[in-house]
Amino acid sequence: MPKVERQDIDNLNAVLTVTLEKSEYEPKFKTELNKYRKQANMKGFRKGKTPLSVLKKMYGQSVLADVINEMLQKELYSYLEEQDIRILGQPLPSEDQKQQAFDVKNLEDYEFKFDLGISPDFQVQGADESTTVEKMVVEFPRETLEEDLQSARKRHGEREAVEDDTIKDNDMVKFKAVEIENGAPKPEGIETEFSILISDNTDEALKEELKGKKHGDTTTLMMSKIEQGRDAEYIRRYYLNLEEGDEREFSDTFEAEIIEVTRIAPAELNQEFFDKAFGEDQVHSEEEALEFIREQTSKFYNDQAEALASRQIQDKLLEQNPMEFPEAFLKRWMKATNENVDDATVEQEFERFRGNLQWSLIRNRLVEDFGIEIDQNDIMEAARRRIRNYFGGQSMPGMEQIVDSTAARLLQDQEQVEQLSQEVLTDRVFEVLLEKVSIEEKKVTLEEFEAEVQRVQSQLQAEQAAPATEEEE
């Protein structure tokens, strides 16, 4: 058996020396060469009859390197597992490890030295009622719920003609317009009919003017200023209704009559509306509709509130569980595993890396302490949630089949599977922590809650942008 020796430098650094003797790797080397021999089809020799001396000369060094590397990795990680040594990153060849020159003519014993970064030994402190976090609870006054119900009625309403009222936001206004030249209708000028929606895209000056007008009134339109972002091609096609190839010149000024104004009339509070807006047979009255909205809205904001509370828990656990790390080793490992990363970048990114590593160790220990396990169904459901989020988190008729097929394709990528697995484990850890720590509820208004969400998001963005900013400076 290959010999593995451990030398502890300190509590966080160690060196493993693996010795592979000739007698241990030579049989495997010969076996692999014979495999090449059976497959080799070289000029001057029958298939499978190429002399081993020729194969050694051509492929021997490469085959020997592969054999030794395979045995080395197996022995190295078997030793770490048997001795229950928890390491950070992966073993790195020691800096004083000499380059091995594999001479197939003179096989010898080989010695390999690896530096290890040892994971700190700790028990998680604070993952119980001794830790107190604040959880915000959003209060929704009845008028807010009524506003949401009114919005739902408008979404499911129908447009109706309005003749006696002045124009308002979200009205659809139809014009009959005539091209003007020198203050009068242009001879053989363009006549057109088109509609616009009074919205944020409408020119502000025109919007204010139209809000004082109604069906049957007239106004002067500057075609280039009706809506923001409309180019000449759009104007010709949608305002002037000119066919492709019609290259007539036209002035920007049109005299327009408002020939139709339509406005969405909210849907009636009947069962047809309730089924469309809230799902079949879920709601049967206005009061039930308001309660449904309250429950759904509360759930949405409760999920966000738990996310904010989870961040507090994470911050407190990081504070209560300080750790020492083998910094020199980790900086070497960061460079070794990231191409085109220099010393300056490593120094710049290290504090963030250190914080992420600390949390990763805490989370992994809690997975063990809490006995958390996940299976393929958990990962599949996480993939489904991710796909639904691409559609705004909404479930629409016929969408689940698309979600399932897309999620199945996603899980064919092992990297995605690992990423989803880590997300599920993290979610499960926080679920348990929210049950174990002490929660103090704080009732807040929606405005106060959204301000806190924005503050946390800005803080996260600043943390993520910090290294880039420092580099620019």
Protein backbone atom coordinates (compact mmCIF):
# COMPACT_ATOMS: atom_id res chain seq x y z
CA MET A 1 0.00 0.00 0.00
CA PRO A 2 1.22 3.53 -0.70
CA LYS A 3 2.48 5.32 2.41
CA VAL A 4 0.80 8.54 3.57
CA GLU A 5 2.35 10.67 6.30
CA ARG A 6 0.82 13.74 7.92
CA GLN A 7 2.78 16.64 9.37
CA ASP A 8 0.82 19.32 11.23
CA ILE A 9 2.22 22.81 10.78
CA ASP A 10 -0.40 24.33 13.11
CA ASN A 11 -4.12 23.88 13.80
CA LEU A 12 -5.03 25.11 10.34
CA ASN A 13 -2.22 23.89 8.09
CA ALA A 14 -0.79 20.45 7.42
CA VAL A 15 1.38 18.64 4.87
CA LEU A 16 0.61 15.19 3.51
CA THR A 17 3.43 13.19 1.95
CA VAL A 18 2.36 10.34 -0.30
CA THR A 19 4.97 7.78 -1.35
CA LEU A 20 4.27 5.55 -4.35
CA GLU A 21 6.75 2.71 -4.65
CA LYS A 22 7.69 1.17 -7.97
CA SER A 23 6.26 -2.19 -6.91
CA GLU A 24 2.87 -0.56 -6.30
CA TYR A 25 2.37 1.26 -9.58
CA GLU A 26 4.38 -0.85 -12.05
CA PRO A 27 1.73 -3.62 -12.48
CA LYS A 28 -0.93 -1.03 -13.29
CA PHE A 29 1.46 0.69 -15.71
CA LYS A 30 2.09 -2.57 -17.57
CA THR A 31 -1.64 -3.36 -17.68
CA GLU A 32 -2.39 0.02 -19.24
CA LEU A 33 0.41 -0.40 -21.80
CA ASN A 34 -1.00 -3.79 -22.79
CA LYS A 35 -4.39 -2.17 -23.36
CA TYR A 36 -2.70 0.23 -25.76
CA ARG A 37 -0.94 -2.71 -27.41
CA LYS A 38 -4.21 -4.52 -28.11
CA GLN A 39 -5.69 -1.44 -29.74
CA ALA A 40 -2.58 -0.18 -31.52
CA ASN A 41 -2.56 -0.38 -35.30
CA MET A 42 0.88 0.86 -36.33
CA LYS A 43 2.57 0.67 -39.68
CA GLY A 44 4.99 -2.26 -39.88
CA PHE A 45 3.28 -4.28 -37.17
CA ARG A 46 0.17 -6.43 -37.07
CA LYS A 47 -2.67 -5.07 -34.94
CA GLY A 48 -2.00 -5.96 -31.33
CA LYS A 49 1.58 -7.04 -31.97
CA THR A 50 3.39 -3.73 -31.58
CA PRO A 51 6.44 -4.28 -29.32
CA LEU A 52 6.09 -2.85 -25.81
CA SER A 53 9.43 -1.08 -26.26
CA VAL A 54 7.93 0.93 -29.15
CA LEU A 55 4.76 1.74 -27.18
CA LYS A 56 6.84 2.79 -24.19
CA LYS A 57 8.83 5.17 -26.33
CA MET A 58 5.72 6.73 -27.88
CA TYR A 59 3.15 6.66 -25.06
CA GLY A 60 4.94 5.42 -21.96
CA GLN A 61 5.52 8.75 -20.21
CA SER A 62 1.90 9.86 -20.70
CA VAL A 63 0.50 6.49 -19.55
CA LEU A 64 2.77 6.44 -16.51
CA ALA A 65 1.76 9.97 -15.53
CA ASP A 66 -1.93 9.02 -15.77
CA VAL A 67 -1.46 5.86 -13.70
CA ILE A 68 0.47 7.65 -10.96
CA ASN A 69 -1.96 10.57 -10.86
CA GLU A 70 -4.94 8.22 -10.55
CA MET A 71 -3.32 6.26 -7.72
CA LEU A 72 -2.19 9.45 -6.04
CA GLN A 73 -5.65 11.03 -6.03
CA LYS A 74 -7.24 7.80 -4.78
CA GLU A 75 -4.79 7.41 -1.89
CA LEU A 76 -4.95 11.09 -1.00
CA TYR A 77 -8.73 11.33 -0.71
CA SER A 78 -9.08 7.87 0.84
CA TYR A 79 -6.72 8.97 3.60
CA LEU A 80 -8.64 12.21 4.18
CA GLU A 81 -11.92 10.28 4.40
CA GLU A 82 -10.58 7.53 6.66
CA GLN A 83 -8.97 10.04 9.02
CA ASP A 84 -12.04 12.33 8.85
CA ILE A 85 -9.92 15.32 7.98
CA ARG A 86 -12.09 18.28 6.94
CA ILE A 87 -10.21 20.44 4.50
CA LEU A 88 -10.85 23.77 2.81
CA GLY A 89 -10.69 23.82 -0.97
CA GLN A 90 -8.49 21.03 -2.32
CA PRO A 91 -4.96 19.83 -1.50
CA LEU A 92 -2.29 21.87 -3.29
CA PRO A 93 1.14 20.60 -4.32
CA SER A 94 3.62 21.93 -1.77
CA GLU A 95 5.65 24.86 -2.95
CA ASP A 96 8.86 22.89 -2.40
CA GLN A 97 7.52 19.87 -4.33
CA LYS A 98 10.02 19.09 -7.06
CA GLN A 99 8.85 18.48 -10.61
CA GLN A 100 8.77 14.75 -11.29
CA ALA A 101 10.34 13.53 -14.53
CA PHE A 102 8.76 10.17 -15.34
CA ASP A 103 11.44 7.98 -16.91
CA VAL A 104 9.82 4.81 -18.24
CA LYS A 105 13.26 3.19 -18.69
CA ASN A 106 14.22 3.65 -15.06
CA LEU A 107 11.16 3.31 -12.86
CA GLU A 108 11.65 4.47 -9.28
CA ASP A 109 9.78 5.37 -6.10
CA TYR A 110 8.04 8.74 -6.14
CA GLU A 111 7.24 11.11 -3.29
CA PHE A 112 4.57 13.79 -3.48
CA LYS A 113 3.89 16.50 -0.89
CA PHE A 114 0.58 18.34 -0.56
CA ASP A 115 -0.38 21.34 1.54
CA LEU A 116 -3.74 21.16 3.29
CA GLY A 117 -5.91 23.95 4.65
CA ILE A 118 -7.71 22.48 7.67
CA SER A 119 -11.28 23.52 8.39
CA PRO A 120 -11.63 25.09 11.84
CA ASP A 121 -13.27 22.86 14.45
CA PHE A 122 -16.34 24.50 15.98
CA GLN A 123 -19.88 24.03 17.23
CA VAL A 124 -22.46 26.55 16.04
CA GLN A 125 -23.41 29.01 18.73
CA GLY A 126 -26.67 30.97 18.69
CA ALA A 127 -28.84 28.61 16.62
CA ASP A 128 -31.49 28.60 19.34
CA GLU A 129 -33.78 30.84 21.41
CA SER A 130 -30.77 32.73 22.75
CA THR A 131 -30.72 34.61 19.45
CA THR A 132 -33.50 37.16 18.95
CA VAL A 133 -34.42 38.68 15.59
CA GLU A 134 -37.09 41.10 14.53
CA LYS A 135 -39.70 40.10 11.97
CA MET A 136 -41.77 42.79 10.29
CA VAL A 137 -45.50 42.18 9.92
CA VAL A 138 -47.21 44.36 7.34
CA GLU A 139 -50.63 45.68 8.27
CA PHE A 140 -53.10 46.21 5.44
CA PRO A 141 -55.93 48.70 6.10
CA ARG A 142 -59.27 47.91 4.46
CA GLU A 143 -58.88 50.77 1.97
CA THR A 144 -55.70 49.17 0.60
CA LEU A 145 -57.50 45.86 0.07
CA GLU A 146 -60.39 47.69 -1.58
CA GLU A 147 -57.94 49.40 -3.94
CA ASP A 148 -56.51 46.00 -4.92
CA LEU A 149 -60.02 44.65 -5.50
CA GLN A 150 -60.82 47.66 -7.68
CA SER A 151 -57.64 47.05 -9.68
CA ALA A 152 -58.71 43.44 -10.22
CA ARG A 153 -62.13 44.61 -11.38
CA LYS A 154 -60.47 46.93 -13.89
CA ARG A 155 -58.18 44.15 -15.16
CA HIS A 156 -61.23 42.03 -15.88
CA GLY A 157 -63.44 44.92 -17.04
CA GLU A 158 -64.41 45.95 -20.55
CA ARG A 159 -64.00 49.21 -22.41
CA GLU A 160 -67.10 51.36 -22.80
CA ALA A 161 -67.68 54.55 -24.77
CA VAL A 162 -67.53 57.80 -22.77
CA GLU A 163 -69.22 60.88 -24.27
CA ASP A 164 -70.05 63.34 -21.50
CA ASP A 165 -66.93 63.11 -19.30
CA THR A 166 -63.50 64.63 -19.84
CA ILE A 167 -60.59 62.39 -20.77
CA LYS A 168 -58.67 60.64 -17.96
CA ASP A 169 -55.56 58.48 -17.59
CA ASN A 170 -55.86 55.04 -19.27
CA ASP A 171 -58.64 56.21 -21.59
CA MET A 172 -58.36 55.15 -25.23
CA VAL A 173 -58.81 58.19 -27.48
CA LYS A 174 -59.54 57.92 -31.20
CA PHE A 175 -58.81 60.87 -33.50
CA LYS A 176 -59.88 61.82 -36.99
CA ALA A 177 -57.03 64.01 -38.19
CA VAL A 178 -56.37 66.23 -41.22
CA GLU A 179 -52.97 67.51 -42.33
CA ILE A 180 -52.53 71.28 -41.88
CA GLU A 181 -50.40 73.63 -43.95
CA ASN A 182 -50.19 77.40 -43.34
CA GLY A 183 -53.01 77.19 -40.82
CA ALA A 184 -55.49 75.47 -43.16
CA PRO A 185 -56.18 71.94 -44.40
CA LYS A 186 -53.51 71.03 -46.95
CA PRO A 187 -54.84 70.45 -50.48
CA GLU A 188 -54.72 66.68 -51.11
CA GLY A 189 -53.19 66.34 -47.66
CA ILE A 190 -53.28 63.23 -45.57
CA GLU A 191 -56.43 62.31 -43.66
CA THR A 192 -56.22 59.58 -41.05
CA GLU A 193 -57.85 57.94 -38.06
CA PHE A 194 -55.88 56.43 -35.17
CA SER A 195 -56.08 55.79 -31.44
CA ILE A 196 -53.74 56.32 -28.51
CA LEU A 197 -53.84 55.21 -24.87
CA ILE A 198 -53.47 58.04 -22.39
CA SER A 199 -50.53 56.76 -20.36
CA ASP A 200 -47.08 57.65 -19.05
CA ASN A 201 -45.86 57.41 -22.65
CA THR A 202 -48.14 60.23 -23.79
CA ASP A 203 -46.51 63.65 -24.23
CA GLU A 204 -47.14 65.51 -20.96
CA ALA A 205 -48.30 68.76 -22.58
CA LEU A 206 -50.72 66.87 -24.85
CA LYS A 207 -51.96 64.76 -21.92
CA GLU A 208 -52.77 67.86 -19.86
CA GLU A 209 -54.59 69.43 -22.81
CA LEU A 210 -56.63 66.30 -23.53
CA LYS A 211 -57.71 65.98 -19.89
CA GLY A 212 -59.76 69.12 -20.42
CA LYS A 213 -61.47 67.75 -23.53
CA LYS A 214 -64.05 65.10 -24.32
CA HIS A 215 -65.76 63.32 -27.20
CA GLY A 216 -66.49 65.72 -30.09
CA ASP A 217 -63.84 68.32 -29.19
CA THR A 218 -60.96 69.26 -31.49
CA THR A 219 -57.25 69.77 -30.88
CA THR A 220 -54.03 70.37 -32.78
CA LEU A 221 -51.60 67.45 -32.85
CA MET A 222 -47.87 67.56 -33.50
CA MET A 223 -47.32 64.04 -34.85
CA SER A 224 -43.73 63.84 -33.63
CA LYS A 225 -44.80 64.69 -30.06
CA ILE A 226 -47.86 62.53 -29.46
CA GLU A 227 -46.00 59.71 -27.71
CA GLN A 228 -42.43 59.37 -26.54
CA GLY A 229 -40.00 57.26 -28.56
CA ARG A 230 -42.03 57.13 -31.79
CA ASP A 231 -39.88 57.46 -34.91
CA ALA A 232 -40.89 58.54 -38.43
CA GLU A 233 -41.55 54.96 -39.51
CA TYR A 234 -43.95 54.39 -36.62
CA ILE A 235 -45.75 57.67 -37.34
CA ARG A 236 -46.19 56.81 -41.03
CA ARG A 237 -47.47 53.32 -40.29
CA TYR A 238 -49.65 53.70 -37.18
CA TYR A 239 -50.72 57.35 -37.09
CA LEU A 240 -50.97 58.10 -40.80
CA ASN A 241 -51.86 54.57 -41.96
CA LEU A 242 -49.58 54.90 -45.00
CA GLU A 243 -48.89 51.71 -46.89
CA GLU A 244 -45.36 50.44 -47.36
CA GLY A 245 -43.80 52.22 -50.31
CA ASP A 246 -45.92 55.38 -49.88
CA GLU A 247 -43.17 57.99 -49.65
CA ARG A 248 -45.36 61.12 -49.50
CA GLU A 249 -43.97 63.99 -47.51
CA PHE A 250 -46.17 65.34 -44.74
CA SER A 251 -46.16 68.20 -42.29
CA ASP A 252 -45.99 67.60 -38.55
CA THR A 253 -49.19 69.50 -37.77
CA PHE A 254 -52.67 67.93 -37.92
CA GLU A 255 -56.05 69.19 -36.89
CA ALA A 256 -57.82 66.39 -35.02
CA GLU A 257 -61.36 65.71 -33.85
CA ILE A 258 -61.89 63.37 -30.92
CA ILE A 259 -64.34 60.89 -32.41
CA GLU A 260 -64.31 58.29 -29.66
CA VAL A 261 -63.26 57.93 -26.02
CA THR A 262 -63.41 54.55 -24.31
CA ARG A 263 -62.75 53.72 -20.67
CA ILE A 264 -62.50 50.44 -18.81
CA ALA A 265 -65.63 49.83 -16.80
CA PRO A 266 -64.80 47.70 -13.73
CA ALA A 267 -66.24 44.19 -13.82
CA GLU A 268 -69.33 43.65 -11.74
CA LEU A 269 -68.94 41.93 -8.41
CA ASN A 270 -70.55 38.70 -9.55
CA GLN A 271 -69.54 35.03 -9.59
CA GLU A 272 -68.18 35.26 -13.14
CA PHE A 273 -65.72 37.94 -12.01
CA PHE A 274 -64.81 36.10 -8.79
CA ASP A 275 -64.02 32.89 -10.72
CA LYS A 276 -61.89 34.74 -13.27
CA ALA A 277 -59.99 36.82 -10.74
CA PHE A 278 -59.50 34.36 -7.86
CA GLY A 279 -60.03 30.88 -9.29
CA GLU A 280 -63.14 28.87 -9.77
CA ASP A 281 -65.34 28.57 -6.68
CA GLN A 282 -62.72 30.19 -4.40
CA VAL A 283 -64.60 33.41 -3.64
CA HIS A 284 -68.36 34.07 -3.47
CA SER A 285 -68.73 37.62 -2.12
CA GLU A 286 -66.99 40.97 -1.81
CA GLU A 287 -65.98 40.22 1.78
CA GLU A 288 -64.51 36.85 0.76
CA ALA A 289 -62.67 38.61 -2.08
CA LEU A 290 -61.14 41.12 0.34
CA GLU A 291 -60.11 38.30 2.70
CA PHE A 292 -58.59 36.35 -0.23
CA ILE A 293 -56.57 39.41 -1.24
CA ARG A 294 -55.47 39.94 2.37
CA GLU A 295 -54.28 36.33 2.72
CA GLN A 296 -52.42 36.29 -0.61
CA THR A 297 -50.86 39.70 -0.04
CA SER A 298 -49.88 38.80 3.53
CA LYS A 299 -48.24 35.58 2.32
CA PHE A 300 -46.26 37.50 -0.31
CA TYR A 301 -44.96 40.02 2.21
CA ASN A 302 -44.48 37.36 4.90
CA ASP A 303 -42.08 35.53 2.57
CA GLN A 304 -40.11 38.75 2.17
CA ALA A 305 -40.26 39.43 5.91
CA GLU A 306 -38.87 35.95 6.62
CA ALA A 307 -36.08 36.62 4.11
CA LEU A 308 -35.20 39.81 6.00
CA ALA A 309 -35.32 37.94 9.32
CA SER A 310 -33.13 35.18 7.84
CA ARG A 311 -30.53 37.78 6.89
CA GLN A 312 -30.54 39.00 10.49
CA ILE A 313 -30.03 35.42 11.69
CA GLN A 314 -27.15 34.94 9.27
CA ASP A 315 -25.48 38.18 10.41
CA LYS A 316 -25.84 37.19 14.08
CA LEU A 317 -24.51 33.68 13.53
CA LEU A 318 -21.51 35.08 11.68
CA GLU A 319 -20.90 37.44 14.60
CA GLN A 320 -21.30 34.72 17.25
CA ASN A 321 -19.12 32.17 15.44
CA PRO A 322 -15.82 33.88 14.58
CA MET A 323 -13.30 31.64 12.83
CA GLU A 324 -9.62 31.55 12.01
CA PHE A 325 -8.63 30.40 8.55
CA PRO A 326 -5.36 29.36 6.86
CA GLU A 327 -5.28 32.60 4.89
CA ALA A 328 -2.03 32.04 3.01
CA PHE A 329 -3.23 28.61 1.84
CA LEU A 330 -6.65 29.93 0.80
CA LYS A 331 -5.11 32.76 -1.21
CA ARG A 332 -2.91 30.23 -3.04
CA TRP A 333 -5.99 28.07 -3.65
CA MET A 334 -7.97 31.05 -5.02
CA LYS A 335 -5.20 31.69 -7.55
CA ALA A 336 -4.81 28.03 -8.44
CA THR A 337 -8.51 27.54 -9.17
CA ASN A 338 -9.17 30.79 -11.04
CA GLU A 339 -7.42 31.53 -14.29
CA ASN A 340 -6.07 35.03 -14.88
CA VAL A 341 -6.40 36.01 -11.20
CA ASP A 342 -3.44 37.94 -9.84
CA ASP A 343 -2.31 38.67 -6.29
CA ALA A 344 -3.99 42.08 -6.24
CA THR A 345 -7.36 40.60 -7.15
CA VAL A 346 -7.00 37.88 -4.52
CA GLU A 347 -6.26 40.47 -1.83
CA GLN A 348 -9.19 42.56 -2.99
CA GLU A 349 -11.68 39.69 -2.99
CA PHE A 350 -10.42 37.82 0.06
CA GLU A 351 -12.59 39.41 2.76
CA ARG A 352 -15.75 38.67 0.82
CA PHE A 353 -14.48 35.15 0.11
CA ARG A 354 -13.70 34.70 3.79
CA GLY A 355 -17.21 35.76 4.81
CA ASN A 356 -18.83 33.44 2.29
CA LEU A 357 -16.62 30.57 3.46
CA GLN A 358 -17.48 31.23 7.10
CA TRP A 359 -21.21 31.15 6.36
CA SER A 360 -20.81 28.03 4.20
CA LEU A 361 -19.15 26.19 7.10
CA ILE A 362 -21.82 27.32 9.55
CA ARG A 363 -24.59 26.30 7.17
CA ASN A 364 -23.04 22.89 6.47
CA ARG A 365 -22.63 22.21 10.19
CA LEU A 366 -26.29 23.15 10.76
CA VAL A 367 -27.34 20.77 7.97
CA GLU A 368 -25.62 18.02 10.00
CA ASP A 369 -26.90 19.22 13.38
CA PHE A 370 -30.49 19.51 12.16
CA GLY A 371 -30.34 16.21 10.24
CA ILE A 372 -31.52 17.88 7.04
CA GLU A 373 -31.78 15.62 3.99
CA ILE A 374 -33.04 16.35 0.50
CA ASP A 375 -33.92 14.12 -2.44
CA GLN A 376 -34.51 14.37 -6.17
CA ASN A 377 -38.09 15.52 -5.67
CA ASP A 378 -36.90 18.50 -3.62
CA ILE A 379 -34.44 19.47 -6.34
CA MET A 380 -37.09 19.05 -9.04
CA GLU A 381 -39.51 21.30 -7.17
CA ALA A 382 -36.76 23.93 -6.77
CA ALA A 383 -36.21 23.78 -10.53
CA ARG A 384 -39.95 24.23 -11.09
CA ARG A 385 -40.00 27.30 -8.83
CA ARG A 386 -37.09 28.79 -10.74
CA ILE A 387 -38.90 28.29 -14.05
CA ARG A 388 -42.13 29.78 -12.66
CA ASN A 389 -40.16 32.83 -11.55
CA TYR A 390 -39.19 33.38 -15.17
CA PHE A 391 -42.93 33.95 -15.72
CA GLY A 392 -43.29 36.28 -12.76
CA GLY A 393 -44.20 33.49 -10.36
CA GLN A 394 -47.67 33.18 -11.83
CA SER A 395 -49.30 29.86 -12.72
CA MET A 396 -51.34 30.13 -15.90
CA PRO A 397 -53.48 27.52 -17.66
CA GLY A 398 -51.31 25.05 -19.55
CA MET A 399 -48.09 26.46 -18.08
CA GLU A 400 -47.29 23.54 -15.75
CA GLN A 401 -46.47 21.25 -18.66
CA ILE A 402 -43.95 23.80 -19.91
CA VAL A 403 -42.58 24.19 -16.38
CA ASP A 404 -42.12 20.43 -15.95
CA SER A 405 -40.41 19.88 -19.31
CA THR A 406 -38.10 22.89 -18.85
CA ALA A 407 -37.21 21.83 -15.31
CA ALA A 408 -36.40 18.30 -16.53
CA ARG A 409 -33.98 19.73 -19.12
CA LEU A 410 -32.42 21.95 -16.45
CA LEU A 411 -31.68 18.93 -14.27
CA GLN A 412 -29.67 17.33 -17.06
CA ASP A 413 -26.95 19.87 -16.26
CA GLN A 414 -25.02 18.60 -13.23
CA GLU A 415 -23.81 22.09 -12.38
CA GLN A 416 -27.42 23.28 -12.19
CA VAL A 417 -28.34 20.28 -10.03
CA GLU A 418 -25.58 21.13 -7.56
CA GLN A 419 -26.60 24.78 -7.48
CA LEU A 420 -30.25 23.91 -6.87
CA SER A 421 -29.25 21.40 -4.17
CA GLN A 422 -27.33 24.08 -2.30
CA GLU A 423 -30.27 26.48 -2.60
CA VAL A 424 -32.66 23.88 -1.16
CA LEU A 425 -30.31 23.08 1.73
CA THR A 426 -29.96 26.77 2.55
CA ASP A 427 -33.73 27.27 2.47
CA ARG A 428 -34.24 24.27 4.77
CA VAL A 429 -31.62 25.57 7.23
CA PHE A 430 -33.37 28.93 7.48
CA GLU A 431 -36.77 27.24 7.87
CA VAL A 432 -35.46 25.40 10.93
CA LEU A 433 -33.65 28.46 12.29
CA LEU A 434 -36.82 30.57 12.07
CA GLU A 435 -38.48 27.98 14.30
CA LYS A 436 -35.61 27.76 16.80
CA VAL A 437 -34.61 31.41 17.34
CA SER A 438 -36.70 33.95 19.23
CA ILE A 439 -38.87 36.06 16.91
CA GLU A 440 -40.12 39.50 17.89
CA GLU A 441 -42.86 40.68 15.56
CA LYS A 442 -43.04 44.34 14.66
CA LYS A 443 -46.13 45.70 12.95
CA VAL A 444 -45.32 48.15 10.17
CA THR A 445 -47.04 49.91 7.30
CA LEU A 446 -46.43 48.81 3.73
CA GLU A 447 -44.41 51.99 3.13
CA GLU A 448 -42.14 51.24 6.12
CA PHE A 449 -41.68 47.66 4.98
CA GLU A 450 -40.80 48.60 1.40
CA ALA A 451 -38.33 51.19 2.70
CA GLU A 452 -36.57 48.48 4.73
CA VAL A 453 -36.49 46.11 1.74
CA GLN A 454 -34.95 48.88 -0.36
CA ARG A 455 -32.39 49.63 2.35
CA VAL A 456 -31.28 45.99 2.53
CA GLN A 457 -31.15 45.66 -1.25
CA SER A 458 -29.02 48.81 -1.51
CA GLN A 459 -26.71 47.44 1.18
CA LEU A 460 -26.31 44.14 -0.70
CA GLN A 461 -25.60 45.96 -3.96
CA ALA A 462 -23.01 48.12 -2.23
CA GLU A 463 -21.32 45.04 -0.76
CA GLN A 464 -21.23 43.36 -4.16
CA ALA A 465 -19.92 46.47 -5.89
CA ALA A 466 -17.30 47.28 -3.27
CA PRO A 467 -14.36 45.33 -4.81
CA ALA A 468 -15.00 46.78 -8.26
CA THR A 469 -15.13 50.31 -6.78
CA GLU A 470 -11.88 49.78 -4.90
CA GLU A 471 -10.24 48.53 -8.08
CA GLU A 472 -11.32 51.65 -9.98
CA GLU A 473 -9.91 53.86 -7.23
